[in-house]
Amino acid sequence: MSSLQAFLNENIIDNITEEVLVSNRFKDKKGSLLKFKIRAITDSEMSDIQKICMRTGKKGKVDFDVSKFNRLIAIKGTVDPKFEEADSIRSVGCVTPEDYIKKVMLPGEIATLADQIQTLSGYTDLEELKEQAKN
């Protein structure tokens, strides 16, 4: 068995989590920055989200809703806070997790959070990896 095969067998991609900063806006009562707990998105979750965000328009042109994609990635990949918690959703007058996240976060914050979840999920810059391998 190769070293790479041994590594893969010993490192199943389950419950990969990390705490990340998203914005200077999120602070506790003492002024300390609050971190979001995120998790890696699975392949099937990513496929489902991508399908939801694709729309076939006129003449078969496919449109991809990037804002919706970022919101769904952020909702699905965030462990804390729980964007799908019904009490929180209702408490701010919303019906869905997507409505909730739009009401409590700025678009740039959602994009930053989604980007960090994608990075944790293994979506990295291939050129950056090639440079690291050279060194």
N, C-alpha and C. Protein backbone atom coordinates (compact mmCIF):
# COMPACT_ATOMS: atom_id res chain seq x y z
N MET A 1 0.85 -1.18 0.00
CA MET A 1 0.00 0.00 0.00
C MET A 1 0.90 1.24 0.00
N SER A 2 0.56 2.20 -0.86
CA SER A 2 1.35 3.42 -0.94
C SER A 2 1.11 4.30 0.28
N SER A 3 2.03 5.24 0.50
CA SER A 3 1.89 6.18 1.61
C SER A 3 0.63 7.02 1.45
N LEU A 4 0.35 7.41 0.22
CA LEU A 4 -0.85 8.21 -0.03
C LEU A 4 -2.11 7.40 0.26
N GLN A 5 -2.12 6.13 -0.16
CA GLN A 5 -3.28 5.27 0.11
C GLN A 5 -3.46 5.09 1.62
N ALA A 6 -2.37 4.89 2.34
CA ALA A 6 -2.43 4.74 3.79
C ALA A 6 -2.99 6.01 4.44
N PHE A 7 -2.53 7.16 3.95
CA PHE A 7 -3.02 8.44 4.48
C PHE A 7 -4.52 8.55 4.27
N LEU A 8 -4.99 8.28 3.05
CA LEU A 8 -6.42 8.37 2.75
C LEU A 8 -7.24 7.44 3.62
N ASN A 9 -6.76 6.23 3.82
CA ASN A 9 -7.48 5.25 4.63
C ASN A 9 -7.58 5.66 6.10
N GLU A 10 -6.58 6.40 6.56
CA GLU A 10 -6.54 6.82 7.97
C GLU A 10 -7.19 8.18 8.20
N ASN A 11 -7.53 8.89 7.15
CA ASN A 11 -8.05 10.25 7.29
C ASN A 11 -9.35 10.43 6.53
N ILE A 12 -10.37 9.73 6.99
CA ILE A 12 -11.70 9.83 6.39
C ILE A 12 -12.22 11.27 6.60
N ILE A 13 -12.84 11.83 5.58
CA ILE A 13 -13.30 13.22 5.65
C ILE A 13 -14.67 13.30 6.34
N ASP A 14 -14.65 13.23 7.65
CA ASP A 14 -15.87 13.28 8.43
C ASP A 14 -15.66 14.26 9.58
N ASN A 15 -16.57 15.17 9.72
CA ASN A 15 -16.54 16.13 10.82
C ASN A 15 -15.30 17.02 10.84
N ILE A 16 -14.91 17.54 9.69
CA ILE A 16 -13.82 18.51 9.64
C ILE A 16 -14.42 19.87 9.98
N THR A 17 -13.99 20.45 11.09
CA THR A 17 -14.53 21.74 11.53
C THR A 17 -13.38 22.71 11.83
N GLU A 18 -13.75 23.98 11.90
CA GLU A 18 -12.78 25.03 12.19
C GLU A 18 -13.54 26.25 12.69
N GLU A 19 -12.90 27.05 13.52
CA GLU A 19 -13.49 28.32 13.95
C GLU A 19 -12.81 29.43 13.18
N VAL A 20 -13.63 30.35 12.62
CA VAL A 20 -13.10 31.40 11.76
C VAL A 20 -13.71 32.76 12.09
N LEU A 21 -12.94 33.79 11.82
CA LEU A 21 -13.45 35.16 11.92
C LEU A 21 -14.05 35.54 10.58
N VAL A 22 -15.15 36.26 10.62
CA VAL A 22 -15.83 36.65 9.39
C VAL A 22 -15.81 38.16 9.19
N SER A 23 -15.98 38.90 10.28
CA SER A 23 -16.09 40.35 10.17
C SER A 23 -15.78 40.99 11.53
N ASN A 24 -15.31 42.22 11.47
CA ASN A 24 -15.09 42.99 12.70
C ASN A 24 -16.41 43.39 13.36
N ARG A 25 -17.50 43.20 12.66
CA ARG A 25 -18.82 43.57 13.18
C ARG A 25 -19.29 42.63 14.28
N PHE A 26 -18.83 41.38 14.27
CA PHE A 26 -19.31 40.38 15.22
C PHE A 26 -18.45 40.38 16.47
N LYS A 27 -18.96 41.07 17.52
CA LYS A 27 -18.22 41.20 18.78
C LYS A 27 -19.14 40.88 19.95
N ASP A 28 -18.54 40.33 21.02
CA ASP A 28 -19.33 40.10 22.23
C ASP A 28 -19.43 41.40 23.02
N LYS A 29 -20.06 41.36 24.19
CA LYS A 29 -20.30 42.56 24.98
C LYS A 29 -19.00 43.19 25.49
N LYS A 30 -17.92 42.41 25.55
CA LYS A 30 -16.62 42.93 25.98
C LYS A 30 -15.79 43.48 24.82
N GLY A 31 -16.31 43.34 23.60
CA GLY A 31 -15.60 43.84 22.43
C GLY A 31 -14.70 42.83 21.75
N SER A 32 -14.70 41.59 22.24
CA SER A 32 -13.89 40.55 21.62
C SER A 32 -14.58 40.02 20.37
N LEU A 33 -13.79 39.74 19.35
CA LEU A 33 -14.35 39.22 18.10
C LEU A 33 -14.94 37.83 18.30
N LEU A 34 -16.09 37.60 17.71
CA LEU A 34 -16.76 36.31 17.77
C LEU A 34 -16.41 35.49 16.54
N LYS A 35 -16.19 34.21 16.75
CA LYS A 35 -15.85 33.30 15.66
C LYS A 35 -17.05 32.44 15.29
N PHE A 36 -17.12 32.12 14.00
CA PHE A 36 -18.11 31.18 13.50
C PHE A 36 -17.47 29.80 13.49
N LYS A 37 -18.23 28.77 13.86
CA LYS A 37 -17.74 27.41 13.73
C LYS A 37 -18.29 26.86 12.43
N ILE A 38 -17.38 26.46 11.54
CA ILE A 38 -17.80 25.96 10.23
C ILE A 38 -17.38 24.51 10.06
N ARG A 39 -17.96 23.87 9.07
CA ARG A 39 -17.61 22.49 8.75
C ARG A 39 -17.44 22.35 7.24
N ALA A 40 -16.71 21.33 6.85
CA ALA A 40 -16.53 21.05 5.42
C ALA A 40 -17.84 20.53 4.84
N ILE A 41 -18.11 20.94 3.62
CA ILE A 41 -19.30 20.50 2.87
C ILE A 41 -18.94 19.21 2.13
N THR A 42 -19.86 18.25 2.14
CA THR A 42 -19.62 17.00 1.42
C THR A 42 -19.84 17.20 -0.08
N ASP A 43 -19.36 16.25 -0.85
CA ASP A 43 -19.53 16.29 -2.31
C ASP A 43 -21.01 16.32 -2.69
N SER A 44 -21.81 15.51 -2.06
CA SER A 44 -23.24 15.47 -2.42
C SER A 44 -23.95 16.76 -2.02
N GLU A 45 -23.58 17.34 -0.89
CA GLU A 45 -24.17 18.62 -0.49
C GLU A 45 -23.80 19.72 -1.50
N MET A 46 -22.53 19.73 -1.92
CA MET A 46 -22.09 20.73 -2.89
C MET A 46 -22.85 20.57 -4.20
N SER A 47 -23.00 19.34 -4.66
CA SER A 47 -23.75 19.09 -5.91
C SER A 47 -25.19 19.57 -5.80
N ASP A 48 -25.83 19.27 -4.68
CA ASP A 48 -27.21 19.70 -4.48
C ASP A 48 -27.33 21.23 -4.50
N ILE A 49 -26.41 21.91 -3.83
CA ILE A 49 -26.43 23.37 -3.78
C ILE A 49 -26.20 23.95 -5.17
N GLN A 50 -25.25 23.40 -5.90
CA GLN A 50 -24.98 23.88 -7.26
C GLN A 50 -26.21 23.73 -8.15
N LYS A 51 -26.89 22.60 -8.06
CA LYS A 51 -28.09 22.37 -8.87
C LYS A 51 -29.18 23.39 -8.55
N ILE A 52 -29.37 23.67 -7.27
CA ILE A 52 -30.39 24.64 -6.85
C ILE A 52 -30.10 26.02 -7.43
N CYS A 53 -28.84 26.36 -7.57
CA CYS A 53 -28.44 27.70 -8.00
C CYS A 53 -28.35 27.88 -9.50
N MET A 54 -28.56 26.81 -10.26
CA MET A 54 -28.51 26.90 -11.72
C MET A 54 -29.92 27.03 -12.29
N ARG A 55 -30.06 27.94 -13.23
CA ARG A 55 -31.33 28.14 -13.91
C ARG A 55 -31.07 28.18 -15.41
N THR A 56 -31.89 27.46 -16.15
CA THR A 56 -31.78 27.49 -17.60
C THR A 56 -32.75 28.55 -18.11
N GLY A 57 -32.20 29.53 -18.79
CA GLY A 57 -33.00 30.64 -19.28
C GLY A 57 -33.34 30.49 -20.74
N LYS A 58 -33.53 31.62 -21.38
CA LYS A 58 -33.89 31.65 -22.79
C LYS A 58 -32.78 31.05 -23.64
N LYS A 59 -33.18 30.34 -24.65
CA LYS A 59 -32.27 29.73 -25.61
C LYS A 59 -31.26 28.78 -24.95
N GLY A 60 -31.65 28.19 -23.82
CA GLY A 60 -30.80 27.21 -23.16
C GLY A 60 -29.62 27.78 -22.39
N LYS A 61 -29.58 29.10 -22.25
CA LYS A 61 -28.49 29.74 -21.51
C LYS A 61 -28.62 29.41 -20.03
N VAL A 62 -27.51 28.94 -19.44
CA VAL A 62 -27.51 28.57 -18.03
C VAL A 62 -26.99 29.74 -17.21
N ASP A 63 -27.79 30.15 -16.22
CA ASP A 63 -27.40 31.21 -15.30
C ASP A 63 -27.12 30.59 -13.94
N PHE A 64 -26.11 31.12 -13.26
CA PHE A 64 -25.75 30.63 -11.94
C PHE A 64 -25.90 31.78 -10.96
N ASP A 65 -26.71 31.59 -9.92
CA ASP A 65 -26.98 32.61 -8.92
C ASP A 65 -25.92 32.52 -7.82
N VAL A 66 -24.88 33.34 -7.94
CA VAL A 66 -23.75 33.30 -7.01
C VAL A 66 -24.17 33.71 -5.60
N SER A 67 -25.03 34.70 -5.48
CA SER A 67 -25.48 35.15 -4.16
C SER A 67 -26.23 34.04 -3.43
N LYS A 68 -27.12 33.37 -4.14
CA LYS A 68 -27.87 32.25 -3.54
C LYS A 68 -26.90 31.13 -3.17
N PHE A 69 -25.93 30.85 -4.04
CA PHE A 69 -24.92 29.83 -3.78
C PHE A 69 -24.19 30.14 -2.47
N ASN A 70 -23.74 31.38 -2.31
CA ASN A 70 -23.03 31.77 -1.09
C ASN A 70 -23.91 31.61 0.15
N ARG A 71 -25.17 32.01 0.03
CA ARG A 71 -26.09 31.88 1.17
C ARG A 71 -26.27 30.41 1.55
N LEU A 72 -26.51 29.55 0.57
CA LEU A 72 -26.75 28.13 0.86
C LEU A 72 -25.49 27.45 1.41
N ILE A 73 -24.33 27.79 0.88
CA ILE A 73 -23.07 27.25 1.42
C ILE A 73 -22.91 27.68 2.88
N ALA A 74 -23.16 28.97 3.15
CA ALA A 74 -23.02 29.49 4.51
C ALA A 74 -23.99 28.81 5.47
N ILE A 75 -25.22 28.62 5.04
CA ILE A 75 -26.23 27.98 5.89
C ILE A 75 -25.85 26.53 6.16
N LYS A 76 -25.50 25.80 5.13
CA LYS A 76 -25.21 24.36 5.26
C LYS A 76 -23.89 24.10 5.97
N GLY A 77 -22.91 24.98 5.79
CA GLY A 77 -21.58 24.73 6.33
C GLY A 77 -21.28 25.38 7.67
N THR A 78 -22.25 26.08 8.24
CA THR A 78 -22.02 26.72 9.54
C THR A 78 -22.64 25.89 10.65
N VAL A 79 -21.82 25.56 11.63
CA VAL A 79 -22.26 24.78 12.79
C VAL A 79 -22.79 25.72 13.87
N ASP A 80 -22.09 26.83 14.10
CA ASP A 80 -22.48 27.82 15.10
C ASP A 80 -22.15 29.20 14.58
N PRO A 81 -23.13 30.05 14.38
CA PRO A 81 -24.53 29.92 14.78
C PRO A 81 -25.30 28.98 13.86
N LYS A 82 -26.44 28.55 14.35
CA LYS A 82 -27.28 27.63 13.59
C LYS A 82 -28.29 28.45 12.78
N PHE A 83 -27.99 28.64 11.50
CA PHE A 83 -28.87 29.44 10.66
C PHE A 83 -30.20 28.77 10.39
N GLU A 84 -30.30 27.48 10.65
CA GLU A 84 -31.55 26.75 10.40
C GLU A 84 -32.41 26.60 11.66
N GLU A 85 -32.01 27.24 12.75
CA GLU A 85 -32.75 27.14 14.01
C GLU A 85 -34.07 27.91 13.91
N ALA A 86 -35.16 27.19 14.02
CA ALA A 86 -36.50 27.76 13.81
C ALA A 86 -36.80 28.94 14.73
N ASP A 87 -36.43 28.85 16.00
CA ASP A 87 -36.73 29.93 16.94
C ASP A 87 -36.03 31.23 16.54
N SER A 88 -34.78 31.12 16.11
CA SER A 88 -34.05 32.32 15.68
C SER A 88 -34.66 32.91 14.42
N ILE A 89 -35.03 32.04 13.50
CA ILE A 89 -35.64 32.49 12.24
C ILE A 89 -36.92 33.27 12.53
N ARG A 90 -37.78 32.69 13.37
CA ARG A 90 -39.05 33.35 13.72
C ARG A 90 -38.82 34.63 14.52
N SER A 91 -37.80 34.64 15.39
CA SER A 91 -37.59 35.78 16.27
C SER A 91 -37.27 37.07 15.52
N VAL A 92 -36.77 36.97 14.31
CA VAL A 92 -36.48 38.17 13.52
C VAL A 92 -37.49 38.37 12.39
N GLY A 93 -38.59 37.62 12.44
CA GLY A 93 -39.67 37.79 11.48
C GLY A 93 -39.43 37.15 10.13
N CYS A 94 -38.63 36.09 10.09
CA CYS A 94 -38.36 35.40 8.83
C CYS A 94 -39.03 34.04 8.81
N VAL A 95 -39.05 33.43 7.63
CA VAL A 95 -39.69 32.13 7.46
C VAL A 95 -38.66 31.04 7.12
N THR A 96 -37.64 31.41 6.36
CA THR A 96 -36.66 30.41 5.91
C THR A 96 -35.26 30.77 6.39
N PRO A 97 -34.36 29.79 6.45
CA PRO A 97 -32.96 30.09 6.79
C PRO A 97 -32.33 31.09 5.83
N GLU A 98 -32.71 31.02 4.57
CA GLU A 98 -32.15 31.95 3.58
C GLU A 98 -32.61 33.38 3.86
N ASP A 99 -33.87 33.56 4.22
CA ASP A 99 -34.36 34.89 4.59
C ASP A 99 -33.63 35.39 5.85
N TYR A 100 -33.44 34.48 6.78
CA TYR A 100 -32.79 34.82 8.05
C TYR A 100 -31.36 35.31 7.83
N ILE A 101 -30.57 34.56 7.07
CA ILE A 101 -29.17 34.94 6.89
C ILE A 101 -29.07 36.27 6.15
N LYS A 102 -30.00 36.54 5.24
CA LYS A 102 -29.99 37.83 4.54
C LYS A 102 -30.32 38.98 5.49
N LYS A 103 -31.08 38.68 6.53
CA LYS A 103 -31.49 39.74 7.46
C LYS A 103 -30.43 40.01 8.53
N VAL A 104 -29.64 39.01 8.88
CA VAL A 104 -28.68 39.18 9.99
C VAL A 104 -27.24 39.37 9.55
N MET A 105 -26.95 39.17 8.26
CA MET A 105 -25.57 39.33 7.77
C MET A 105 -25.55 40.19 6.52
N LEU A 106 -24.46 40.89 6.33
CA LEU A 106 -24.24 41.68 5.12
C LEU A 106 -23.81 40.77 3.99
N PRO A 107 -24.06 41.14 2.73
CA PRO A 107 -23.69 40.28 1.61
C PRO A 107 -22.20 39.91 1.59
N GLY A 108 -21.34 40.85 1.90
CA GLY A 108 -19.90 40.56 1.93
C GLY A 108 -19.53 39.59 3.03
N GLU A 109 -20.23 39.67 4.16
CA GLU A 109 -19.98 38.74 5.27
C GLU A 109 -20.39 37.32 4.86
N ILE A 110 -21.51 37.22 4.18
CA ILE A 110 -21.97 35.92 3.70
C ILE A 110 -20.96 35.34 2.72
N ALA A 111 -20.47 36.17 1.81
CA ALA A 111 -19.48 35.71 0.82
C ALA A 111 -18.19 35.27 1.50
N THR A 112 -17.74 36.01 2.51
CA THR A 112 -16.53 35.64 3.24
C THR A 112 -16.72 34.31 3.96
N LEU A 113 -17.86 34.14 4.61
CA LEU A 113 -18.16 32.90 5.30
C LEU A 113 -18.21 31.73 4.32
N ALA A 114 -18.88 31.92 3.20
CA ALA A 114 -18.98 30.86 2.18
C ALA A 114 -17.61 30.50 1.63
N ASP A 115 -16.77 31.51 1.42
CA ASP A 115 -15.42 31.28 0.92
C ASP A 115 -14.60 30.43 1.91
N GLN A 116 -14.73 30.73 3.17
CA GLN A 116 -13.99 29.97 4.19
C GLN A 116 -14.49 28.53 4.28
N ILE A 117 -15.77 28.33 4.11
CA ILE A 117 -16.33 26.97 4.12
C ILE A 117 -15.84 26.20 2.90
N GLN A 118 -15.80 26.86 1.75
CA GLN A 118 -15.30 26.20 0.54
C GLN A 118 -13.82 25.84 0.69
N THR A 119 -13.04 26.72 1.28
CA THR A 119 -11.62 26.43 1.50
C THR A 119 -11.45 25.22 2.42
N LEU A 120 -12.22 25.18 3.51
CA LEU A 120 -12.18 24.04 4.42
C LEU A 120 -12.63 22.77 3.72
N SER A 121 -13.49 22.90 2.71
CA SER A 121 -14.00 21.76 1.96
C SER A 121 -13.06 21.31 0.84
N GLY A 122 -11.90 21.93 0.76
CA GLY A 122 -10.89 21.48 -0.19
C GLY A 122 -10.82 22.26 -1.48
N TYR A 123 -11.60 23.31 -1.61
CA TYR A 123 -11.55 24.12 -2.83
C TYR A 123 -10.44 25.15 -2.65
N THR A 124 -9.30 24.89 -3.25
CA THR A 124 -8.16 25.78 -3.14
C THR A 124 -7.66 26.17 -4.51
N ASP A 125 -6.78 27.14 -4.52
CA ASP A 125 -6.16 27.60 -5.76
C ASP A 125 -5.10 26.59 -6.18
N LEU A 126 -5.31 25.94 -7.33
CA LEU A 126 -4.39 24.92 -7.82
C LEU A 126 -3.00 25.49 -8.07
N GLU A 127 -2.91 26.72 -8.54
CA GLU A 127 -1.60 27.34 -8.78
C GLU A 127 -0.84 27.51 -7.47
N GLU A 128 -1.54 27.86 -6.41
CA GLU A 128 -0.91 28.01 -5.09
C GLU A 128 -0.37 26.66 -4.62
N LEU A 129 -1.11 25.58 -4.84
CA LEU A 129 -0.65 24.26 -4.44
C LEU A 129 0.58 23.85 -5.24
N LYS A 130 0.61 24.19 -6.52
CA LYS A 130 1.78 23.87 -7.35
C LYS A 130 3.02 24.59 -6.84
N GLU A 131 2.87 25.83 -6.42
CA GLU A 131 4.00 26.60 -5.88
C GLU A 131 4.50 25.99 -4.57
N GLN A 132 3.58 25.55 -3.72
CA GLN A 132 3.97 24.92 -2.47
C GLN A 132 4.71 23.63 -2.73
N ALA A 133 4.29 22.88 -3.72
CA ALA A 133 4.93 21.61 -4.05
C ALA A 133 6.35 21.82 -4.57
N LYS A 134 6.57 22.93 -5.26
CA LYS A 134 7.91 23.23 -5.78
C LYS A 134 8.90 23.51 -4.67
N ASN A 135 8.43 24.14 -3.61
CA ASN A 135 9.32 24.56 -2.50
C ASN A 135 9.63 23.46 -1.56
